[in-house]
Structures are given as structure tokens and as C-alpha cells.
């Protein structure tokens, strides 16, 4: 069986691999890719999360 090179597949393909809980290599590759796309994420307080969720629900967003 051949080994998948997670660096060469699309984001959608990698997400499909991550859905299998036994594939920790895919999960780590996915987190690495997310971190590379946004190396300095802004953490939100509980209050900010609640306000954002309310805003999205009222607008019909996910």
C-alpha cells in the first residue's frame, strides 16, 4: 500500500483524511497547514465567541 503525501493533496482531500479518527498523520498535516495559513491566530474570549455565534445565527451563516 502506498503512503499518501499530505503535502501534495488539496485542502478538501486532506479534510477527508482527517475525518478518519485513526489517521493521526493526516490530522497533524492538517493542523500544520492551518497554522501555516494563519501563524498568529487571534484568540477570542467566551463573550466574543457568544457574540459572534449570535451574529452568524441571525444572519443564517455557519
C-alpha atoms as a PDB file:
ATOM      1  CA  UNK A   1       0.000   0.000   0.000  1.00  0.00           C
ATOM      2  CA  UNK A   2       1.384   3.416  -0.894  1.00  0.00           C
ATOM      3  CA  UNK A   3       1.809   6.198   1.622  1.00  0.00           C
ATOM      4  CA  UNK A   4      -0.128   9.431   0.931  1.00  0.00           C
ATOM      5  CA  UNK A   5       1.958  12.575   0.686  1.00  0.00           C
ATOM      6  CA  UNK A   6      -0.252  15.038   2.554  1.00  0.00           C
ATOM      7  CA  UNK A   7       1.809  17.989   1.339  1.00  0.00           C
ATOM      8  CA  UNK A   8       0.749  17.319  -2.265  1.00  0.00           C
ATOM      9  CA  UNK A   9      -3.020  16.963  -1.840  1.00  0.00           C
ATOM     10  CA  UNK A  10      -5.694  19.659  -1.774  1.00  0.00           C
ATOM     11  CA  UNK A  11      -7.274  21.031   1.389  1.00  0.00           C
ATOM     12  CA  UNK A  12     -10.520  19.189   0.595  1.00  0.00           C
ATOM     13  CA  UNK A  13      -8.685  15.894   0.140  1.00  0.00           C
ATOM     14  CA  UNK A  14      -6.786  16.410   3.393  1.00  0.00           C
ATOM     15  CA  UNK A  15     -10.014  17.177   5.249  1.00  0.00           C
ATOM     16  CA  UNK A  16     -11.413  13.859   4.002  1.00  0.00           C
ATOM     17  CA  UNK A  17      -8.424  12.037   5.517  1.00  0.00           C
ATOM     18  CA  UNK A  18      -8.845  13.893   8.820  1.00  0.00           C
ATOM     19  CA  UNK A  19     -12.390  12.563   9.150  1.00  0.00           C
ATOM     20  CA  UNK A  20     -10.906   9.144   9.930  1.00  0.00           C
ATOM     21  CA  UNK A  21     -10.004   9.312  13.648  1.00  0.00           C
ATOM     22  CA  UNK A  22      -7.320   6.650  13.326  1.00  0.00           C
ATOM     23  CA  UNK A  23      -5.272   8.738  10.877  1.00  0.00           C
ATOM     24  CA  UNK A  24      -3.145  10.872  13.197  1.00  0.00           C
ATOM     25  CA  UNK A  25      -0.617  11.647  10.455  1.00  0.00           C
ATOM     26  CA  UNK A  26      -3.350  13.323   8.390  1.00  0.00           C
ATOM     27  CA  UNK A  27      -4.539  15.243  11.444  1.00  0.00           C
ATOM     28  CA  UNK A  28      -1.054  16.580  12.147  1.00  0.00           C
ATOM     29  CA  UNK A  29      -0.599  17.560   8.489  1.00  0.00           C
ATOM     30  CA  UNK A  30      -3.959  19.372   8.591  1.00  0.00           C
ATOM     31  CA  UNK A  31      -3.089  21.304  11.754  1.00  0.00           C
ATOM     32  CA  UNK A  32       0.312  22.197  10.302  1.00  0.00           C
ATOM     33  CA  UNK A  33      -1.392  23.518   7.175  1.00  0.00           C
ATOM     34  CA  UNK A  34      -3.860  25.570   9.220  1.00  0.00           C
ATOM     35  CA  UNK A  35      -1.025  27.021  11.267  1.00  0.00           C
ATOM     36  CA  UNK A  36       0.960  27.891   8.131  1.00  0.00           C
ATOM     37  CA  UNK A  37      -2.072  29.733   6.730  1.00  0.00           C
ATOM     38  CA  UNK A  38      -2.544  31.734   9.946  1.00  0.00           C
ATOM     39  CA  UNK A  39       0.534  31.559  12.206  1.00  0.00           C
ATOM     40  CA  UNK A  40      -0.770  34.170  14.677  1.00  0.00           C
ATOM     41  CA  UNK A  41      -4.444  33.407  15.290  1.00  0.00           C
ATOM     42  CA  UNK A  42      -6.409  35.795  17.463  1.00  0.00           C
ATOM     43  CA  UNK A  43      -7.904  34.090  20.498  1.00  0.00           C
ATOM     44  CA  UNK A  44     -11.419  35.120  21.421  1.00  0.00           C
ATOM     45  CA  UNK A  45     -12.960  35.418  24.856  1.00  0.00           C
ATOM     46  CA  UNK A  46     -16.111  33.460  25.695  1.00  0.00           C
ATOM     47  CA  UNK A  47     -18.112  36.657  25.372  1.00  0.00           C
ATOM     48  CA  UNK A  48     -16.675  37.345  21.902  1.00  0.00           C
ATOM     49  CA  UNK A  49     -17.448  33.787  20.799  1.00  0.00           C
ATOM     50  CA  UNK A  50     -21.032  34.075  22.018  1.00  0.00           C
ATOM     51  CA  UNK A  51     -21.489  37.423  20.247  1.00  0.00           C
ATOM     52  CA  UNK A  52     -20.025  36.027  17.021  1.00  0.00           C
ATOM     53  CA  UNK A  53     -22.274  32.961  17.179  1.00  0.00           C
ATOM     54  CA  UNK A  54     -25.327  35.141  17.744  1.00  0.00           C
ATOM     55  CA  UNK A  55     -24.336  37.348  14.799  1.00  0.00           C
ATOM     56  CA  UNK A  56     -23.863  34.359  12.500  1.00  0.00           C
ATOM     57  CA  UNK A  57     -27.101  32.688  13.581  1.00  0.00           C
ATOM     58  CA  UNK A  58     -29.061  35.890  13.000  1.00  0.00           C
ATOM     59  CA  UNK A  59     -27.506  36.160   9.517  1.00  0.00           C
ATOM     60  CA  UNK A  60     -28.056  32.484   8.735  1.00  0.00           C
ATOM     61  CA  UNK A  61     -24.313  31.754   8.480  1.00  0.00           C
ATOM     62  CA  UNK A  62     -22.274  28.833   9.752  1.00  0.00           C
END
